[in-house]
Amino acid sequence: MARQIEDTVTIRLYTGDGQPLPLWNEAHTNDYTETGIDYSLLRYVDYMIENGSETMKALAQAAKDYCYAAKNHFTGSADPLSDAVSAVTADMLSDYVSKRSGSLPQGVSIDSATAMFKSDNSFRMYLKFADGTDADSITYQLDGVDTELMTTPDGARYLTFDKVSSSALGKEHVFTICDGTATYSVTASVLTYARGAHQQQFGQHEDAGKGAVSVQSCFRSPFRRMKGGLPMKKYEDLEIDVIVFNANDVITTSGEDEGEPVPGDQF
């Protein structure tokens, strides 16, 4: 989870029947078989910021900003972010405004939009229905395929697209709402929420959205060539070779919450 950037994991090696395998540094001067090796995502991105190529430095810094923005949002902490986050402007986000066409069915309105920050990235568009409107008699589609109108525990109704990778936060999807008489389409991406949060000046929500823009721009280039993970060179103080995190694990947002709703006419 992004907000757990500082959490440490301990690495040990075992055989299939549970017997420990020897674990040493490259120089064979330190034995980590019993203690294991402590590591964290923060140590990795800091290492890449200091030692990576220019592309990797930018990616690592964007990942760090994104993780800390998520941590600030979900835990209430106030960890500082880099200048790259504050440099994201309304003009940079203008491409992510939603596109709308057609007419809404009678009794239906667009209430708000949010981004979900759990184990993957997703976008939700909440709908409101006038009294007497049968929401379940209307057809809903995502990218031309019938999709389900979802319901929250408190009864709110929404459409969603999820499992969005970090390199595709700006990829657009089309919601279509049709009652047989009127048809309405909304084209949006996860970064549509980032733009809306920026427009609404949502503070930590805004920072998380702006951090997402930096992350996507950095991810587009290296991960078209490198799928799966970032091989780190040497774990400097231990002098061992380390194989590092899956691409999505590096910067996927996380938490049991979603962003502050952006009003339906503001995304």
Protein backbone atom coordinates (compact mmCIF):
# COMPACT_ATOMS: atom_id res chain seq x y z
CA MET A 1 0.00 0.00 0.00
CA ALA A 2 1.30 3.46 -0.88
CA ARG A 3 0.75 4.87 2.61
CA GLN A 4 2.98 2.11 4.01
CA ILE A 5 6.05 3.42 2.21
CA GLU A 6 8.03 3.51 5.49
CA ASP A 7 6.97 0.04 6.67
CA THR A 8 9.80 -2.47 6.88
CA VAL A 9 9.64 -6.03 5.61
CA THR A 10 12.12 -8.72 6.66
CA ILE A 11 13.41 -11.06 3.96
CA ARG A 12 14.47 -14.62 4.80
CA LEU A 13 14.94 -17.64 2.52
CA TYR A 14 13.58 -21.14 3.15
CA THR A 15 13.48 -24.46 1.35
CA GLY A 16 10.18 -26.02 0.34
CA ASP A 17 10.05 -27.97 3.61
CA GLY A 18 10.68 -24.88 5.73
CA GLN A 19 14.41 -25.18 6.34
CA PRO A 20 16.32 -21.85 6.35
CA LEU A 21 18.67 -21.17 3.47
CA PRO A 22 21.98 -19.33 4.03
CA LEU A 23 21.75 -15.63 3.26
CA TRP A 24 24.96 -13.59 3.06
CA ASN A 25 26.11 -10.33 1.63
CA GLU A 26 28.14 -10.46 -1.59
CA ALA A 27 31.45 -10.16 0.25
CA HIS A 28 30.37 -13.04 2.50
CA THR A 29 31.20 -11.04 5.61
CA ASN A 30 27.70 -10.70 7.07
CA ASP A 31 25.38 -13.64 7.75
CA TYR A 32 21.67 -12.73 7.55
CA THR A 33 20.34 -16.28 7.66
CA GLU A 34 18.74 -15.90 11.11
CA THR A 35 18.07 -12.17 11.27
CA GLY A 36 16.91 -11.69 7.69
CA ILE A 37 17.31 -8.47 5.73
CA ASP A 38 15.15 -5.49 6.65
CA TYR A 39 13.97 -3.39 3.73
CA SER A 40 11.27 -0.87 2.82
CA LEU A 41 9.84 0.83 -0.23
CA LEU A 42 11.20 4.13 1.09
CA ARG A 43 14.75 2.77 1.14
CA TYR A 44 14.32 1.59 -2.43
CA VAL A 45 13.01 4.87 -3.86
CA ASP A 46 15.62 6.86 -1.92
CA TYR A 47 18.32 4.61 -3.35
CA MET A 48 16.99 5.12 -6.89
CA ILE A 49 16.74 8.90 -6.38
CA GLU A 50 20.42 8.92 -5.49
CA ASN A 51 21.76 6.24 -7.84
CA GLY A 52 19.36 5.64 -10.71
CA SER A 53 19.36 7.00 -14.24
CA GLU A 54 17.67 10.34 -14.78
CA THR A 55 14.49 8.52 -15.84
CA MET A 56 14.55 6.31 -12.75
CA LYS A 57 15.29 9.26 -10.47
CA ALA A 58 12.22 11.05 -11.76
CA LEU A 59 10.09 7.91 -11.41
CA ALA A 60 11.33 7.22 -7.88
CA GLN A 61 10.67 10.82 -6.79
CA ALA A 62 7.18 10.74 -8.29
CA ALA A 63 6.50 7.43 -6.53
CA LYS A 64 7.73 8.85 -3.23
CA ASP A 65 5.53 11.94 -3.59
CA TYR A 66 2.53 9.79 -4.47
CA CYS A 67 3.05 7.49 -1.50
CA TYR A 68 3.44 10.37 0.94
CA ALA A 69 0.43 12.18 -0.49
CA ALA A 70 -1.61 9.01 0.11
CA LYS A 71 -0.13 8.67 3.60
CA ASN A 72 -1.00 12.29 4.41
CA HIS A 73 -4.54 11.78 3.16
CA PHE A 74 -5.29 8.53 4.95
CA THR A 75 -3.39 9.04 8.21
CA GLY A 76 -3.53 12.82 8.66
CA SER A 77 0.26 13.12 8.68
CA ALA A 78 1.98 16.10 7.09
CA ASP A 79 5.01 14.67 5.34
CA PRO A 80 6.51 17.17 2.88
CA LEU A 81 6.24 16.59 -0.86
CA SER A 82 8.70 17.70 -3.51
CA ASP A 83 8.39 20.85 -5.57
CA ALA A 84 7.28 18.71 -8.52
CA VAL A 85 3.85 18.29 -6.88
CA SER A 86 3.25 21.99 -6.33
CA ALA A 87 4.39 22.58 -9.92
CA VAL A 88 1.36 20.69 -11.28
CA THR A 89 -0.98 23.39 -12.57
CA ALA A 90 -4.55 23.61 -13.80
CA ASP A 91 -3.23 23.86 -17.37
CA MET A 92 -1.39 20.55 -16.98
CA LEU A 93 -4.64 18.91 -15.90
CA SER A 94 -6.85 20.45 -18.56
CA ASP A 95 -6.63 17.40 -20.83
CA TYR A 96 -8.34 15.27 -18.19
CA VAL A 97 -11.67 17.12 -18.04
CA SER A 98 -14.60 14.78 -18.66
CA LYS A 99 -16.34 14.83 -22.04
CA ARG A 100 -20.13 14.64 -22.16
CA SER A 101 -22.65 14.08 -24.93
CA GLY A 102 -26.35 13.39 -25.37
CA SER A 103 -29.22 13.87 -22.93
CA LEU A 104 -29.68 12.27 -19.52
CA PRO A 105 -32.72 10.05 -19.09
CA GLN A 106 -35.54 11.72 -17.23
CA GLY A 107 -35.07 11.56 -13.46
CA VAL A 108 -31.30 10.89 -13.65
CA SER A 109 -28.53 13.34 -12.74
CA ILE A 110 -24.76 13.15 -12.25
CA ASP A 111 -24.12 13.69 -8.55
CA SER A 112 -20.34 13.50 -8.12
CA ALA A 113 -17.11 11.68 -8.93
CA THR A 114 -14.44 10.15 -6.71
CA ALA A 115 -11.28 8.11 -7.06
CA MET A 116 -10.93 4.99 -4.96
CA PHE A 117 -7.55 4.45 -3.32
CA LYS A 118 -7.36 0.80 -2.37
CA SER A 119 -5.18 -2.00 -3.72
CA ASP A 120 -5.80 -0.69 -7.24
CA ASN A 121 -6.87 2.59 -8.81
CA SER A 122 -10.47 3.20 -9.79
CA PHE A 123 -12.93 5.95 -10.69
CA ARG A 124 -16.51 6.21 -9.51
CA MET A 125 -19.31 8.32 -10.93
CA TYR A 126 -22.25 8.69 -8.57
CA LEU A 127 -25.78 9.12 -9.94
CA LYS A 128 -28.90 10.57 -8.36
CA PHE A 129 -32.41 9.43 -9.19
CA ALA A 130 -35.57 11.45 -8.73
CA ASP A 131 -38.41 9.95 -6.72
CA GLY A 132 -40.28 7.44 -8.84
CA THR A 133 -37.33 6.74 -11.17
CA ASP A 134 -36.56 3.04 -11.50
CA ALA A 135 -32.75 3.05 -11.58
CA ASP A 136 -32.58 -0.66 -12.34
CA SER A 137 -34.70 -0.38 -15.48
CA ILE A 138 -32.05 1.80 -17.17
CA THR A 139 -29.19 0.37 -19.23
CA TYR A 140 -25.62 1.21 -18.21
CA GLN A 141 -22.52 0.53 -20.24
CA LEU A 142 -18.77 0.84 -19.78
CA ASP A 143 -16.85 1.15 -23.05
CA GLY A 144 -19.82 -0.21 -24.96
CA VAL A 145 -20.36 -3.27 -22.76
CA ASP A 146 -23.26 -3.60 -20.32
CA THR A 147 -22.15 -2.95 -16.75
CA GLU A 148 -23.76 -3.08 -13.33
CA LEU A 149 -25.05 -0.07 -11.40
CA MET A 150 -23.37 -0.53 -8.03
CA THR A 151 -24.73 0.33 -4.57
CA THR A 152 -22.79 1.48 -1.49
CA PRO A 153 -23.77 0.25 2.00
CA ASP A 154 -25.64 3.52 2.57
CA GLY A 155 -27.59 3.20 -0.66
CA ALA A 156 -25.70 5.52 -3.01
CA ARG A 157 -25.67 4.34 -6.65
CA TYR A 158 -22.62 4.56 -8.87
CA LEU A 159 -20.81 3.35 -11.98
CA THR A 160 -17.13 2.46 -11.82
CA PHE A 161 -14.07 1.32 -13.71
CA ASP A 162 -11.27 -0.20 -11.68
CA LYS A 163 -8.02 -2.17 -11.74
CA VAL A 164 -6.36 0.76 -13.50
CA SER A 165 -2.58 0.38 -13.65
CA SER A 166 -0.37 3.27 -12.64
CA SER A 167 0.82 3.77 -16.21
CA ALA A 168 -2.78 4.17 -17.42
CA LEU A 169 -4.25 6.68 -14.97
CA GLY A 170 -5.04 8.97 -17.90
CA LYS A 171 -6.65 6.26 -20.05
CA GLU A 172 -10.21 7.28 -20.85
CA HIS A 173 -13.29 5.10 -20.41
CA VAL A 174 -16.84 5.84 -21.50
CA PHE A 175 -19.92 5.48 -19.29
CA THR A 176 -23.21 5.36 -21.18
CA ILE A 177 -26.67 5.71 -19.60
CA CYS A 178 -29.75 4.91 -21.69
CA ASP A 179 -33.44 4.43 -20.93
CA GLY A 180 -34.49 3.65 -24.50
CA THR A 181 -35.47 7.24 -25.16
CA ALA A 182 -32.50 9.34 -24.05
CA THR A 183 -28.79 8.40 -24.10
CA TYR A 184 -25.99 10.16 -22.24
CA SER A 185 -22.25 9.48 -22.30
CA VAL A 186 -19.45 10.60 -19.99
CA THR A 187 -15.80 10.03 -20.94
CA ALA A 188 -13.39 10.14 -17.98
CA SER A 189 -10.17 8.73 -16.52
CA VAL A 190 -8.79 8.35 -13.00
CA LEU A 191 -6.97 11.64 -13.60
CA THR A 192 -10.33 13.29 -14.27
CA TYR A 193 -10.71 13.11 -10.50
CA ALA A 194 -7.25 14.63 -10.04
CA ARG A 195 -8.33 17.61 -12.12
CA GLY A 196 -11.59 17.94 -10.19
CA ALA A 197 -9.81 17.78 -6.83
CA HIS A 198 -7.39 20.46 -8.02
CA GLN A 199 -10.27 22.65 -9.19
CA GLN A 200 -12.01 22.24 -5.84
CA GLN A 201 -8.80 22.85 -3.83
CA PHE A 202 -9.21 19.74 -1.70
CA GLY A 203 -5.81 20.00 -0.02
CA GLN A 204 -4.45 16.49 0.65
CA HIS A 205 -6.86 14.99 -1.88
CA GLU A 206 -5.53 17.52 -4.38
CA ASP A 207 -1.93 16.57 -3.57
CA ALA A 208 -2.69 12.90 -4.12
CA GLY A 209 -4.24 13.70 -7.47
CA LYS A 210 -1.35 15.91 -8.51
CA GLY A 211 1.08 13.23 -7.41
CA ALA A 212 -0.76 10.78 -9.63
CA VAL A 213 -0.13 13.02 -12.63
CA SER A 214 3.60 12.99 -11.91
CA VAL A 215 3.59 9.23 -11.45
CA GLN A 216 1.79 8.49 -14.70
CA SER A 217 4.08 10.75 -16.72
CA CYS A 218 7.13 8.98 -15.29
CA PHE A 219 5.68 5.48 -15.69
CA ARG A 220 4.73 5.81 -19.33
CA SER A 221 8.25 5.70 -20.70
CA PRO A 222 10.22 3.13 -18.69
CA PHE A 223 7.42 0.59 -18.30
CA ARG A 224 6.73 0.36 -21.99
CA ARG A 225 10.17 -1.20 -22.11
CA MET A 226 10.37 -2.82 -18.67
CA LYS A 227 7.43 -4.92 -17.56
CA GLY A 228 7.35 -6.51 -14.14
CA GLY A 229 9.72 -4.60 -11.93
CA LEU A 230 12.75 -2.46 -11.43
CA PRO A 231 16.00 -4.35 -10.96
CA MET A 232 18.01 -2.59 -8.31
CA LYS A 233 21.79 -2.68 -8.49
CA LYS A 234 23.45 -3.37 -5.19
CA TYR A 235 21.87 -2.86 -1.85
CA GLU A 236 24.63 -0.48 -0.96
CA ASP A 237 25.19 -1.03 2.75
CA LEU A 238 24.71 -4.82 2.54
CA GLU A 239 26.34 -5.35 -0.84
CA ILE A 240 23.84 -7.96 -1.99
CA ASP A 241 21.70 -8.20 -5.07
CA VAL A 242 18.04 -7.43 -4.50
CA ILE A 243 15.08 -7.98 -6.81
CA VAL A 244 12.48 -5.32 -6.28
CA PHE A 245 8.77 -4.67 -6.35
CA ASN A 246 6.25 -5.18 -9.12
CA ALA A 247 5.56 -1.96 -11.01
CA ASN A 248 2.04 -1.51 -9.65
CA ASP A 249 3.18 -2.19 -6.08
CA VAL A 250 5.53 0.76 -6.25
CA ILE A 251 2.95 3.49 -6.54
CA THR A 252 -0.57 2.11 -6.44
CA THR A 253 -2.63 4.14 -4.02
CA SER A 254 -4.09 2.44 -1.01
CA GLY A 255 -6.37 2.77 1.95
CA GLU A 256 -9.88 1.92 3.05
CA ASP A 257 -11.28 5.19 1.79
CA GLU A 258 -11.97 7.22 -1.30
CA GLY A 259 -11.29 10.80 -2.28
CA GLU A 260 -13.52 13.75 -1.42
CA PRO A 261 -16.41 13.81 -3.94
CA VAL A 262 -16.09 16.27 -6.80
CA PRO A 263 -19.51 17.76 -7.73
CA GLY A 264 -21.06 16.38 -10.89
CA ASP A 265 -20.60 19.61 -12.85
CA GLN A 266 -16.97 20.09 -11.76
CA PHE A 267 -15.12 17.10 -13.24
